[in-house]
Amino acid sequence: MLERGAELQARDLAAEPLSAEELDALIGARDYRQFLNTRNQLYREENMAEHPPSRAEAIRRMAREPNLIRRPIVISGGKIVLGYNEPALEGLVAGGKSKKKKAVR
């Protein structure tokens, strides 16, 4: 993305985790399960694919355990791309009116 001229505002979740309130606002009306990191050990141990936590519980757990959040999260305007999805990320860069993007890693 940087090679394409995008400006990124990054946030390292290990150093500065998202609060439950921030996660709730970020997820908005989207399906919260898309924000869960399916590769995370806790996700697999608790079989969250078959038995997902409630939205409130998932947000609480993601706030407490940032590795449970699928990353990167790239936000441009009202659009969000979760995980490394090269075509979707390219679409944000190519289609975005502003070059400034937010990325959470």
N, C-alpha and C. Protein backbone atom coordinates (compact mmCIF):
# COMPACT_ATOMS: atom_id res chain seq x y z
N MET A 1 0.82 -1.18 0.00
CA MET A 1 0.00 0.00 0.00
C MET A 1 0.86 1.25 0.00
N LEU A 2 1.95 1.18 0.76
CA LEU A 2 2.82 2.34 0.81
C LEU A 2 3.46 2.62 -0.55
N GLU A 3 3.78 1.52 -1.28
CA GLU A 3 4.36 1.69 -2.60
C GLU A 3 3.40 2.38 -3.56
N ARG A 4 2.10 2.27 -3.30
CA ARG A 4 1.07 2.88 -4.15
C ARG A 4 0.75 4.31 -3.73
N GLY A 5 1.45 4.82 -2.74
CA GLY A 5 1.25 6.20 -2.33
C GLY A 5 0.28 6.40 -1.18
N ALA A 6 -0.18 5.33 -0.58
CA ALA A 6 -1.10 5.46 0.55
C ALA A 6 -0.34 5.92 1.78
N GLU A 7 -0.96 6.78 2.55
CA GLU A 7 -0.41 7.18 3.84
C GLU A 7 -1.13 6.38 4.90
N LEU A 8 -0.38 5.77 5.81
CA LEU A 8 -0.97 4.93 6.84
C LEU A 8 -0.80 5.55 8.21
N GLN A 9 -1.84 5.47 9.00
CA GLN A 9 -1.79 5.80 10.41
C GLN A 9 -1.90 4.46 11.12
N ALA A 10 -0.82 3.97 11.68
CA ALA A 10 -0.80 2.62 12.27
C ALA A 10 -0.97 2.67 13.78
N ARG A 11 -1.52 1.59 14.29
CA ARG A 11 -1.68 1.42 15.74
C ARG A 11 -1.28 -0.01 16.08
N ASP A 12 -0.29 -0.14 16.93
CA ASP A 12 0.20 -1.45 17.38
C ASP A 12 -0.66 -1.89 18.56
N LEU A 13 -1.46 -2.93 18.36
CA LEU A 13 -2.38 -3.37 19.40
C LEU A 13 -1.68 -3.98 20.60
N ALA A 14 -0.46 -4.44 20.42
CA ALA A 14 0.29 -4.98 21.57
C ALA A 14 0.66 -3.84 22.52
N ALA A 15 1.00 -2.70 21.96
CA ALA A 15 1.39 -1.55 22.77
C ALA A 15 0.19 -0.70 23.19
N GLU A 16 -0.83 -0.64 22.34
CA GLU A 16 -2.00 0.20 22.59
C GLU A 16 -3.27 -0.55 22.18
N PRO A 17 -3.73 -1.46 23.04
CA PRO A 17 -4.92 -2.26 22.69
C PRO A 17 -6.17 -1.41 22.48
N LEU A 18 -7.09 -1.92 21.68
CA LEU A 18 -8.38 -1.26 21.52
C LEU A 18 -9.24 -1.55 22.73
N SER A 19 -9.97 -0.56 23.19
CA SER A 19 -10.90 -0.76 24.30
C SER A 19 -12.16 -1.44 23.77
N ALA A 20 -12.97 -1.95 24.68
CA ALA A 20 -14.24 -2.56 24.28
C ALA A 20 -15.11 -1.53 23.55
N GLU A 21 -15.09 -0.29 24.00
CA GLU A 21 -15.88 0.76 23.37
C GLU A 21 -15.39 1.03 21.95
N GLU A 22 -14.06 1.06 21.77
CA GLU A 22 -13.50 1.28 20.44
C GLU A 22 -13.85 0.12 19.50
N LEU A 23 -13.75 -1.10 20.01
CA LEU A 23 -14.09 -2.27 19.20
C LEU A 23 -15.56 -2.25 18.81
N ASP A 24 -16.43 -1.91 19.75
CA ASP A 24 -17.86 -1.86 19.47
C ASP A 24 -18.14 -0.84 18.36
N ALA A 25 -17.51 0.32 18.43
CA ALA A 25 -17.70 1.35 17.40
C ALA A 25 -17.11 0.91 16.07
N LEU A 26 -15.94 0.27 16.10
CA LEU A 26 -15.29 -0.19 14.88
C LEU A 26 -16.13 -1.26 14.18
N ILE A 27 -16.64 -2.19 14.94
CA ILE A 27 -17.45 -3.27 14.37
C ILE A 27 -18.78 -2.73 13.87
N GLY A 28 -19.37 -1.83 14.63
CA GLY A 28 -20.63 -1.22 14.21
C GLY A 28 -21.69 -2.28 13.95
N ALA A 29 -22.34 -2.18 12.79
CA ALA A 29 -23.41 -3.12 12.42
C ALA A 29 -22.86 -4.36 11.71
N ARG A 30 -21.54 -4.44 11.53
CA ARG A 30 -20.94 -5.59 10.85
C ARG A 30 -21.04 -6.84 11.72
N ASP A 31 -20.83 -7.98 11.12
CA ASP A 31 -20.82 -9.25 11.85
C ASP A 31 -19.53 -9.32 12.68
N TYR A 32 -19.67 -9.28 13.98
CA TYR A 32 -18.50 -9.27 14.88
C TYR A 32 -17.63 -10.51 14.70
N ARG A 33 -18.21 -11.62 14.24
CA ARG A 33 -17.43 -12.85 14.09
C ARG A 33 -16.35 -12.71 13.02
N GLN A 34 -16.53 -11.80 12.08
CA GLN A 34 -15.51 -11.56 11.05
C GLN A 34 -14.25 -10.95 11.65
N PHE A 35 -14.36 -10.35 12.82
CA PHE A 35 -13.23 -9.70 13.48
C PHE A 35 -12.42 -10.67 14.34
N LEU A 36 -12.92 -11.87 14.53
CA LEU A 36 -12.21 -12.87 15.33
C LEU A 36 -11.12 -13.54 14.50
N ASN A 37 -9.95 -13.66 15.09
CA ASN A 37 -8.80 -14.28 14.43
C ASN A 37 -8.92 -15.80 14.54
N THR A 38 -9.26 -16.42 13.42
CA THR A 38 -9.48 -17.87 13.41
C THR A 38 -8.19 -18.66 13.63
N ARG A 39 -7.05 -18.01 13.53
CA ARG A 39 -5.76 -18.68 13.76
C ARG A 39 -5.29 -18.60 15.20
N ASN A 40 -6.02 -17.85 16.01
CA ASN A 40 -5.66 -17.66 17.40
C ASN A 40 -5.88 -18.95 18.19
N GLN A 41 -4.97 -19.24 19.11
CA GLN A 41 -5.05 -20.47 19.90
C GLN A 41 -6.33 -20.52 20.72
N LEU A 42 -6.71 -19.44 21.37
CA LEU A 42 -7.94 -19.40 22.16
C LEU A 42 -9.16 -19.67 21.29
N TYR A 43 -9.19 -19.08 20.10
CA TYR A 43 -10.29 -19.31 19.16
C TYR A 43 -10.44 -20.80 18.86
N ARG A 44 -9.31 -21.45 18.60
CA ARG A 44 -9.34 -22.88 18.28
C ARG A 44 -9.66 -23.73 19.50
N GLU A 45 -9.03 -23.42 20.64
CA GLU A 45 -9.25 -24.21 21.87
C GLU A 45 -10.71 -24.19 22.30
N GLU A 46 -11.35 -23.05 22.14
CA GLU A 46 -12.74 -22.92 22.58
C GLU A 46 -13.73 -23.19 21.45
N ASN A 47 -13.21 -23.66 20.30
CA ASN A 47 -14.05 -24.02 19.16
C ASN A 47 -15.06 -22.92 18.84
N MET A 48 -14.56 -21.69 18.72
CA MET A 48 -15.42 -20.55 18.46
C MET A 48 -16.06 -20.59 17.07
N ALA A 49 -15.50 -21.39 16.18
CA ALA A 49 -16.11 -21.53 14.87
C ALA A 49 -17.48 -22.18 15.00
N GLU A 50 -17.56 -23.19 15.82
CA GLU A 50 -18.82 -23.92 16.03
C GLU A 50 -19.68 -23.29 17.12
N HIS A 51 -19.02 -22.68 18.11
CA HIS A 51 -19.73 -22.11 19.25
C HIS A 51 -19.23 -20.69 19.51
N PRO A 52 -19.58 -19.74 18.63
CA PRO A 52 -19.07 -18.37 18.80
C PRO A 52 -19.63 -17.73 20.07
N PRO A 53 -18.84 -16.89 20.70
CA PRO A 53 -19.34 -16.16 21.86
C PRO A 53 -20.37 -15.12 21.40
N SER A 54 -21.13 -14.60 22.34
CA SER A 54 -22.04 -13.51 22.00
C SER A 54 -21.23 -12.30 21.56
N ARG A 55 -21.88 -11.35 20.93
CA ARG A 55 -21.18 -10.13 20.49
C ARG A 55 -20.50 -9.45 21.68
N ALA A 56 -21.24 -9.26 22.76
CA ALA A 56 -20.68 -8.57 23.94
C ALA A 56 -19.48 -9.34 24.50
N GLU A 57 -19.59 -10.65 24.59
CA GLU A 57 -18.49 -11.47 25.10
C GLU A 57 -17.29 -11.43 24.16
N ALA A 58 -17.53 -11.49 22.85
CA ALA A 58 -16.44 -11.44 21.87
C ALA A 58 -15.70 -10.11 21.97
N ILE A 59 -16.43 -9.02 22.08
CA ILE A 59 -15.81 -7.70 22.19
C ILE A 59 -15.00 -7.60 23.48
N ARG A 60 -15.56 -8.08 24.57
CA ARG A 60 -14.84 -8.06 25.85
C ARG A 60 -13.54 -8.87 25.75
N ARG A 61 -13.61 -10.03 25.12
CA ARG A 61 -12.43 -10.89 25.01
C ARG A 61 -11.39 -10.30 24.06
N MET A 62 -11.84 -9.71 22.94
CA MET A 62 -10.89 -9.09 22.01
C MET A 62 -10.19 -7.90 22.66
N ALA A 63 -10.90 -7.16 23.50
CA ALA A 63 -10.28 -6.03 24.20
C ALA A 63 -9.23 -6.53 25.19
N ARG A 64 -9.50 -7.65 25.81
CA ARG A 64 -8.58 -8.22 26.80
C ARG A 64 -7.42 -8.97 26.14
N GLU A 65 -7.69 -9.60 24.99
CA GLU A 65 -6.71 -10.43 24.28
C GLU A 65 -6.61 -9.95 22.83
N PRO A 66 -5.79 -8.92 22.55
CA PRO A 66 -5.71 -8.35 21.20
C PRO A 66 -5.35 -9.36 20.10
N ASN A 67 -4.67 -10.45 20.45
CA ASN A 67 -4.34 -11.44 19.42
C ASN A 67 -5.57 -12.18 18.91
N LEU A 68 -6.68 -12.02 19.59
CA LEU A 68 -7.93 -12.62 19.15
C LEU A 68 -8.58 -11.80 18.02
N ILE A 69 -8.03 -10.61 17.76
CA ILE A 69 -8.55 -9.74 16.70
C ILE A 69 -7.85 -10.07 15.38
N ARG A 70 -8.63 -10.25 14.35
CA ARG A 70 -8.09 -10.50 13.01
C ARG A 70 -7.42 -9.23 12.51
N ARG A 71 -6.20 -9.37 11.99
CA ARG A 71 -5.43 -8.22 11.54
C ARG A 71 -4.74 -8.51 10.23
N PRO A 72 -4.33 -7.50 9.53
CA PRO A 72 -4.53 -6.09 9.82
C PRO A 72 -5.97 -5.67 9.58
N ILE A 73 -6.34 -4.57 10.19
CA ILE A 73 -7.61 -3.92 9.92
C ILE A 73 -7.25 -2.62 9.23
N VAL A 74 -7.69 -2.46 8.00
CA VAL A 74 -7.40 -1.23 7.26
C VAL A 74 -8.72 -0.53 7.01
N ILE A 75 -8.77 0.75 7.40
CA ILE A 75 -9.99 1.54 7.31
C ILE A 75 -9.74 2.71 6.37
N SER A 76 -10.67 2.89 5.44
CA SER A 76 -10.61 4.04 4.54
C SER A 76 -12.05 4.53 4.36
N GLY A 77 -12.32 5.70 4.91
CA GLY A 77 -13.69 6.18 4.88
C GLY A 77 -14.55 5.23 5.68
N GLY A 78 -15.64 4.77 5.11
CA GLY A 78 -16.51 3.82 5.78
C GLY A 78 -16.21 2.38 5.45
N LYS A 79 -15.14 2.13 4.67
CA LYS A 79 -14.81 0.77 4.26
C LYS A 79 -13.73 0.19 5.17
N ILE A 80 -13.87 -1.11 5.45
CA ILE A 80 -12.90 -1.82 6.28
C ILE A 80 -12.49 -3.09 5.55
N VAL A 81 -11.19 -3.37 5.56
CA VAL A 81 -10.67 -4.64 5.06
C VAL A 81 -10.03 -5.34 6.25
N LEU A 82 -10.45 -6.58 6.48
CA LEU A 82 -9.92 -7.38 7.58
C LEU A 82 -8.98 -8.44 7.04
N GLY A 83 -7.84 -8.58 7.70
CA GLY A 83 -6.88 -9.59 7.29
C GLY A 83 -6.15 -9.18 6.03
N TYR A 84 -5.17 -9.97 5.68
CA TYR A 84 -4.38 -9.65 4.49
C TYR A 84 -5.12 -10.17 3.26
N ASN A 85 -5.84 -9.28 2.62
CA ASN A 85 -6.62 -9.56 1.42
C ASN A 85 -6.12 -8.59 0.35
N GLU A 86 -5.11 -9.02 -0.39
CA GLU A 86 -4.44 -8.12 -1.32
C GLU A 86 -5.38 -7.44 -2.31
N PRO A 87 -6.30 -8.16 -2.97
CA PRO A 87 -7.19 -7.47 -3.90
C PRO A 87 -8.06 -6.40 -3.22
N ALA A 88 -8.56 -6.71 -2.03
CA ALA A 88 -9.39 -5.74 -1.31
C ALA A 88 -8.56 -4.54 -0.87
N LEU A 89 -7.34 -4.78 -0.43
CA LEU A 89 -6.46 -3.68 -0.02
C LEU A 89 -6.10 -2.81 -1.22
N GLU A 90 -5.82 -3.44 -2.36
CA GLU A 90 -5.54 -2.68 -3.59
C GLU A 90 -6.74 -1.82 -3.97
N GLY A 91 -7.94 -2.39 -3.80
CA GLY A 91 -9.16 -1.64 -4.10
C GLY A 91 -9.31 -0.41 -3.23
N LEU A 92 -8.93 -0.51 -1.97
CA LEU A 92 -8.99 0.66 -1.09
C LEU A 92 -8.04 1.75 -1.56
N VAL A 93 -6.84 1.34 -1.94
CA VAL A 93 -5.84 2.31 -2.38
C VAL A 93 -6.27 2.94 -3.70
N ALA A 94 -6.70 2.11 -4.65
CA ALA A 94 -7.07 2.61 -5.97
C ALA A 94 -8.36 3.42 -5.94
N GLY A 95 -9.32 2.98 -5.11
CA GLY A 95 -10.63 3.62 -5.11
C GLY A 95 -10.79 4.74 -4.10
N GLY A 96 -9.84 4.86 -3.20
CA GLY A 96 -9.98 5.88 -2.15
C GLY A 96 -9.70 7.27 -2.66
N LYS A 97 -10.55 8.22 -2.30
CA LYS A 97 -10.34 9.61 -2.69
C LYS A 97 -9.20 10.21 -1.90
N SER A 98 -9.09 9.81 -0.64
CA SER A 98 -8.03 10.30 0.22
C SER A 98 -6.94 9.23 0.27
N LYS A 99 -5.70 9.67 0.33
CA LYS A 99 -4.61 8.71 0.44
C LYS A 99 -4.37 8.30 1.88
N LYS A 100 -4.98 8.97 2.84
CA LYS A 100 -4.76 8.66 4.24
C LYS A 100 -5.62 7.48 4.67
N LYS A 101 -5.00 6.43 5.19
CA LYS A 101 -5.67 5.21 5.63
C LYS A 101 -5.26 4.95 7.07
N LYS A 102 -6.09 4.22 7.79
CA LYS A 102 -5.77 3.79 9.15
C LYS A 102 -5.53 2.31 9.11
N ALA A 103 -4.50 1.85 9.78
CA ALA A 103 -4.21 0.42 9.84
C ALA A 103 -3.98 0.02 11.30
N VAL A 104 -4.56 -1.10 11.67
CA VAL A 104 -4.36 -1.64 13.01
C VAL A 104 -3.64 -2.96 12.82
N ARG A 105 -2.52 -3.11 13.51
CA ARG A 105 -1.77 -4.36 13.39
C ARG A 105 -1.43 -4.92 14.73
